[in-house]
Protein backbone atom coordinates (compact mmCIF):
# COMPACT_ATOMS: atom_id res chain seq x y z
CA UNK A 1 31.79 60.96 113.84
CA UNK A 2 34.38 63.40 115.17
CA UNK A 3 33.19 66.89 116.07
CA UNK A 4 36.46 68.81 115.96
CA UNK A 5 34.81 72.09 116.96
CA UNK A 6 33.98 70.66 120.38
CA UNK A 7 37.51 69.54 121.23
CA UNK A 8 38.86 71.53 124.17
CA UNK A 9 35.59 73.19 125.08
CA UNK A 10 34.12 73.20 128.57
CA UNK A 11 30.73 71.67 129.33
CA UNK A 12 28.71 71.93 132.53
CA UNK A 13 26.16 69.13 132.89
CA UNK A 14 23.61 69.49 135.68
CA UNK A 15 21.98 66.28 136.84
CA UNK A 16 25.10 64.62 135.50
CA UNK A 17 24.97 61.79 138.00
CA UNK A 18 21.81 60.39 136.42
CA UNK A 19 21.45 57.84 133.65
CA UNK A 20 20.62 60.13 130.72
CA UNK A 21 22.71 63.15 131.70
CA UNK A 22 25.59 60.91 132.76
CA UNK A 23 25.49 59.46 129.25
CA UNK A 24 25.44 62.99 127.82
CA UNK A 25 28.54 63.84 129.86
CA UNK A 26 30.39 60.79 128.54
CA UNK A 27 29.37 61.54 124.96
CA UNK A 28 30.74 65.07 125.17
CA UNK A 29 33.95 63.84 126.80
CA UNK A 30 34.55 61.48 123.87
CA UNK A 31 34.68 64.57 121.65
CA UNK A 32 37.46 66.08 123.75
CA UNK A 33 35.16 68.29 125.82
CA UNK A 34 36.24 69.01 129.40
CA UNK A 35 33.18 68.04 131.41
CA UNK A 36 32.06 69.28 134.81
CA UNK A 37 29.55 66.77 136.16
CA UNK A 38 27.21 68.59 138.55
CA UNK A 39 24.76 66.77 140.79
CA UNK A 40 23.19 67.03 144.23
CA UNK A 41 24.50 63.49 144.75
CA UNK A 42 28.23 64.11 144.58
CA UNK A 43 29.02 60.40 144.75
CA UNK A 44 26.94 59.77 141.62
CA UNK A 45 28.65 62.68 139.88
CA UNK A 46 32.05 61.34 140.91
CA UNK A 47 31.19 57.94 139.49
CA UNK A 48 30.46 59.47 136.08
CA UNK A 49 33.60 61.64 136.23
CA UNK A 50 35.70 58.59 137.11
CA UNK A 51 34.33 56.68 134.12
CA UNK A 52 35.19 59.57 131.83
CA UNK A 53 38.73 59.81 133.18
CA UNK A 54 39.21 56.05 132.96
CA UNK A 55 38.33 56.31 129.26
CA UNK A 56 40.95 59.02 128.76
CA UNK A 57 38.72 62.08 129.04
CA UNK A 58 38.80 65.11 131.32
CA UNK A 59 36.14 65.54 133.99
CA UNK A 60 35.48 66.79 137.49
CA UNK A 61 32.59 66.08 139.82
CA UNK A 62 30.92 68.97 141.61
CA UNK A 63 28.31 68.48 144.31
CA UNK A 64 25.81 71.34 144.23
CA UNK A 65 22.15 72.29 144.52
CA UNK A 66 20.55 73.74 141.37
CA UNK A 67 17.89 75.42 143.54
CA UNK A 68 20.47 77.41 145.50
CA UNK A 69 22.16 80.34 143.77
CA UNK A 70 25.03 80.46 146.25
CA UNK A 71 25.71 76.76 145.69
CA UNK A 72 25.70 77.30 141.94
CA UNK A 73 28.05 80.27 142.20
CA UNK A 74 30.46 78.09 144.13
CA UNK A 75 30.13 75.41 141.44
CA UNK A 76 30.93 78.02 138.78
CA UNK A 77 34.04 79.04 140.69
CA UNK A 78 35.15 75.41 140.93
CA UNK A 79 34.59 74.82 137.20
CA UNK A 80 36.35 78.03 136.18
CA UNK A 81 39.38 77.21 138.30
CA UNK A 82 39.61 73.67 136.93
CA UNK A 83 38.75 74.14 133.25
CA UNK A 84 37.93 77.77 132.49
CA UNK A 85 34.57 79.29 131.64
CA UNK A 86 31.63 77.30 130.30
CA UNK A 87 31.00 76.87 126.57
CA UNK A 88 28.20 74.30 126.75
CA UNK A 89 25.57 74.32 129.50
CA UNK A 90 23.47 71.19 129.59
CA UNK A 91 20.52 71.74 131.92
CA UNK A 92 19.54 68.21 132.85
CA UNK A 93 18.68 68.42 136.56
CA UNK A 94 15.06 67.59 137.31
CA UNK A 95 12.76 64.84 138.42
CA UNK A 96 9.43 63.96 139.97
CA UNK A 97 8.17 63.40 143.51
CA UNK A 98 5.32 61.23 144.86
CA UNK A 99 3.78 64.31 146.49
CA UNK A 100 3.06 65.66 143.02
CA UNK A 101 1.56 62.40 141.75
CA UNK A 102 -1.90 60.86 141.82
CA UNK A 103 -2.43 57.13 142.24
CA UNK A 104 -5.21 56.91 139.63
CA UNK A 105 -5.28 58.04 136.03
CA UNK A 106 -8.80 59.46 136.21
CA UNK A 107 -11.19 60.65 138.89
CA UNK A 108 -14.23 58.48 139.55
CA UNK A 109 -17.34 59.53 141.44
CA UNK A 110 -16.74 56.78 143.99
CA UNK A 111 -13.53 58.60 144.97
CA UNK A 112 -15.65 61.54 146.12
CA UNK A 113 -18.07 59.40 148.08
CA UNK A 114 -15.82 56.84 149.73
CA UNK A 115 -12.41 58.00 150.85
CA UNK A 116 -9.72 55.35 150.44
CA UNK A 117 -6.42 56.16 152.16
CA UNK A 118 -4.57 54.24 149.45
CA UNK A 119 -6.02 56.42 146.69
CA UNK A 120 -4.70 59.90 145.99
CA UNK A 121 -6.74 61.98 143.59
CA UNK A 122 -6.18 65.47 142.19
CA UNK A 123 -7.87 66.87 145.29
CA UNK A 124 -5.33 65.17 147.55
CA UNK A 125 -2.24 66.62 145.89
CA UNK A 126 0.10 68.44 148.24
CA UNK A 127 0.71 72.02 147.02
CA UNK A 128 4.17 71.91 148.57
CA UNK A 129 4.91 68.73 146.64
CA UNK A 130 3.71 70.37 143.43
CA UNK A 131 5.91 73.38 144.19
CA UNK A 132 8.96 71.17 144.82
CA UNK A 133 8.59 69.33 141.51
CA UNK A 134 7.97 72.52 139.57
CA UNK A 135 10.89 74.32 141.20
CA UNK A 136 13.27 71.42 140.69
CA UNK A 137 12.57 71.29 136.97
CA UNK A 138 12.03 74.96 136.18
CA UNK A 139 14.02 76.95 138.75
CA UNK A 140 16.60 74.16 138.60
CA UNK A 141 17.09 75.23 134.99
CA UNK A 142 16.73 79.00 135.44
CA UNK A 143 19.26 79.38 138.28
CA UNK A 144 22.15 77.48 136.63
CA UNK A 145 21.51 79.47 133.45
CA UNK A 146 21.68 82.75 135.35
CA UNK A 147 24.98 81.70 136.89
CA UNK A 148 26.81 80.16 133.92
CA UNK A 149 25.39 82.11 130.98
CA UNK A 150 26.97 85.32 132.24
CA UNK A 151 30.39 83.97 131.23
CA UNK A 152 29.00 82.38 128.08
CA UNK A 153 27.71 85.74 126.81
CA UNK A 154 31.34 86.87 126.52
CA UNK A 155 32.31 83.94 124.27
CA UNK A 156 31.74 82.73 120.73
CA UNK A 157 29.79 79.61 119.81
CA UNK A 158 28.37 79.09 123.29
CA UNK A 159 25.23 77.00 123.54
CA UNK A 160 22.69 75.83 126.08
CA UNK A 161 20.91 72.51 125.76
CA UNK A 162 17.83 71.89 127.87
CA UNK A 163 16.28 68.53 128.67
CA UNK A 164 12.55 68.65 128.07
CA UNK A 165 10.21 65.66 127.84
CA UNK A 166 7.30 64.12 126.01
CA UNK A 167 5.28 65.45 128.95
CA UNK A 168 5.76 68.93 127.51
CA UNK A 169 3.65 67.91 124.49
CA UNK A 170 1.33 65.28 125.94
CA UNK A 171 0.86 65.40 129.71
CA UNK A 172 0.95 61.91 131.13
CA UNK A 173 -1.65 60.72 133.60
CA UNK A 174 -0.77 60.73 137.30
CA UNK A 175 2.10 63.25 137.09
CA UNK A 176 0.60 66.74 136.67
CA UNK A 177 3.42 68.63 138.37
CA UNK A 178 6.18 67.05 136.30
CA UNK A 179 4.24 67.48 133.05
CA UNK A 180 3.53 71.15 133.74
CA UNK A 181 7.16 71.77 134.72
CA UNK A 182 8.53 70.20 131.54
CA UNK A 183 6.11 72.26 129.46
CA UNK A 184 7.55 75.30 131.25
CA UNK A 185 11.08 74.17 130.36
CA UNK A 186 10.11 73.95 126.67
CA UNK A 187 8.63 77.45 126.81
CA UNK A 188 11.65 78.77 128.71
CA UNK A 189 13.93 77.34 126.01
CA UNK A 190 12.14 79.48 123.44
CA UNK A 191 12.28 82.57 125.66
CA UNK A 192 16.01 82.21 126.24
CA UNK A 193 16.72 81.58 122.56
CA UNK A 194 15.27 85.00 121.79
CA UNK A 195 16.78 86.71 124.83
CA UNK A 196 20.33 85.49 124.16
CA UNK A 197 20.32 85.64 120.35
CA UNK A 198 22.22 88.92 120.03
CA UNK A 199 25.04 87.77 122.33
CA UNK A 200 25.45 84.60 120.31
CA UNK A 201 24.22 81.95 122.73
CA UNK A 202 22.10 79.34 120.97
CA UNK A 203 19.47 77.69 123.19
CA UNK A 204 17.73 74.46 122.24
CA UNK A 205 16.24 71.42 123.93
CA UNK A 206 16.07 67.67 123.58
CA UNK A 207 12.79 65.95 124.40
CA UNK A 208 13.45 62.27 125.03
CA UNK A 209 10.65 59.80 124.62
CA UNK A 210 10.56 56.86 126.99
CA UNK A 211 13.82 55.54 128.37
CA UNK A 212 14.10 53.15 131.29
CA UNK A 213 16.05 54.98 134.02
CA UNK A 214 16.45 54.87 137.78
CA UNK A 215 13.93 57.69 138.07
CA UNK A 216 11.06 55.85 136.41
CA UNK A 217 11.89 52.20 137.01
CA UNK A 218 9.14 51.69 139.61
CA UNK A 219 6.57 52.99 137.12
CA UNK A 220 7.82 50.77 134.31
CA UNK A 221 8.82 47.52 136.01
CA UNK A 222 7.39 45.33 138.75
CA UNK A 223 9.61 44.07 141.56
CA UNK A 224 10.01 40.75 139.75
CA UNK A 225 11.26 42.49 136.59
CA UNK A 226 8.07 42.08 134.56
CA UNK A 227 6.63 45.13 132.76
CA UNK A 228 3.90 47.13 134.48
CA UNK A 229 0.57 47.96 132.86
CA UNK A 230 1.93 51.47 132.27
CA UNK A 231 4.81 50.02 130.27
CA UNK A 232 2.29 48.19 128.11
CA UNK A 233 0.48 51.45 127.39
CA UNK A 234 3.71 53.30 126.58
CA UNK A 235 4.95 50.68 124.14
CA UNK A 236 1.52 50.41 122.52
CA UNK A 237 1.68 54.17 121.86
CA UNK A 238 5.27 54.07 120.56
CA UNK A 239 5.34 52.99 116.90
CA UNK A 240 8.85 51.53 117.29
CA UNK A 241 7.48 49.34 120.12
CA UNK A 242 10.44 49.70 122.49
CA UNK A 243 12.14 52.03 124.96
CA UNK A 244 14.97 54.21 123.76
CA UNK A 245 18.64 53.58 124.49
CA UNK A 246 20.65 56.48 125.90
CA UNK A 247 23.14 56.43 123.01
CA UNK A 248 20.24 57.18 120.67
CA UNK A 249 20.21 60.71 122.09
CA UNK A 250 23.85 61.33 121.11
CA UNK A 251 23.12 62.51 117.59
CA UNK A 252 20.70 65.19 118.76
CA UNK A 253 23.09 66.35 121.47
CA UNK A 254 26.13 66.66 119.21
CA UNK A 255 24.10 68.26 116.43
CA UNK A 256 22.89 70.99 118.80
CA UNK A 257 26.30 71.58 120.37
CA UNK A 258 28.37 71.78 117.19
CA UNK A 259 27.81 75.03 115.28
CA UNK A 260 29.16 73.39 112.12
CA UNK A 261 25.79 71.60 111.98
CA UNK A 262 23.41 73.91 113.85
CA UNK A 263 24.72 77.48 113.69
CA UNK A 264 21.27 78.76 112.62
CA UNK A 265 19.30 76.51 114.99
CA UNK A 266 17.98 78.11 118.16
CA UNK A 267 14.72 77.95 120.08
CA UNK A 268 13.83 74.48 118.89
CA UNK A 269 13.19 71.19 120.66
CA UNK A 270 14.45 68.00 119.06
CA UNK A 271 12.13 65.08 119.79
CA UNK A 272 13.73 61.65 120.12
CA UNK A 273 10.83 59.37 120.91
CA UNK A 274 10.42 56.42 118.53
CA UNK A 275 7.36 58.09 117.04
CA UNK A 276 5.36 58.53 120.27
CA UNK A 277 4.46 62.17 119.63
CA UNK A 278 3.40 61.48 116.05
CA UNK A 279 1.06 58.60 116.86
CA UNK A 280 -2.63 59.37 117.36
CA UNK A 281 -3.47 55.91 118.61
CA UNK A 282 -5.36 54.90 115.48
């Protein structure tokens, strides 16, 4: 489907060097959107930008840090000079860190009696690690929005798309920091939708279910390529019994970006999860 409204617009995609947000960048470029691929890993961003250009699209790669306002201001200057001001801000930067992760799903009394150096419980979590994960996902969304939305408030049909997660609805075991941060992103989406409504910026989110990416591959797959026990649990709780493919997020993305389809949609999160959130387990 061709989304003519998007042709010629400017999109800024944070975390654009990753699997899912890189796919988002390519999807927008196919609609004639000029895409700025932002990532801390500039080489990864450049790889996505090169793929877009090889396919006939327009893109630039910008290395920047979503946790640093000065870095983001410089990124904004680079984007504005190359393409003009932002129409679509896709806040996709985020991630997890082992310092915010437990090694066991539940606490057992034996963990309190016999300390095992290979076991990390809730009581062993590093507050600095928790802070890093929370900041990366929440402040890493707030700061780019502060920087780019200032220009967007002067335009018509501007929109912001956040990347939430199933963790925002059902916190997964072992990853409390990431789950809490994604819940904050969902809440922040709703706050911004209200805050920006009168200046015409629509703000929505996409909550992907389970997709196999570079970020989660060690949780989902063993070194020999066989599925982990966690993969078994995920698929058992997903009625469609499989992981999602990145192109299956395209419909939600284009729907939210194109006002011809979603002009009265703001403050909502579109779940794309194969039924995971709907399934009670029985």
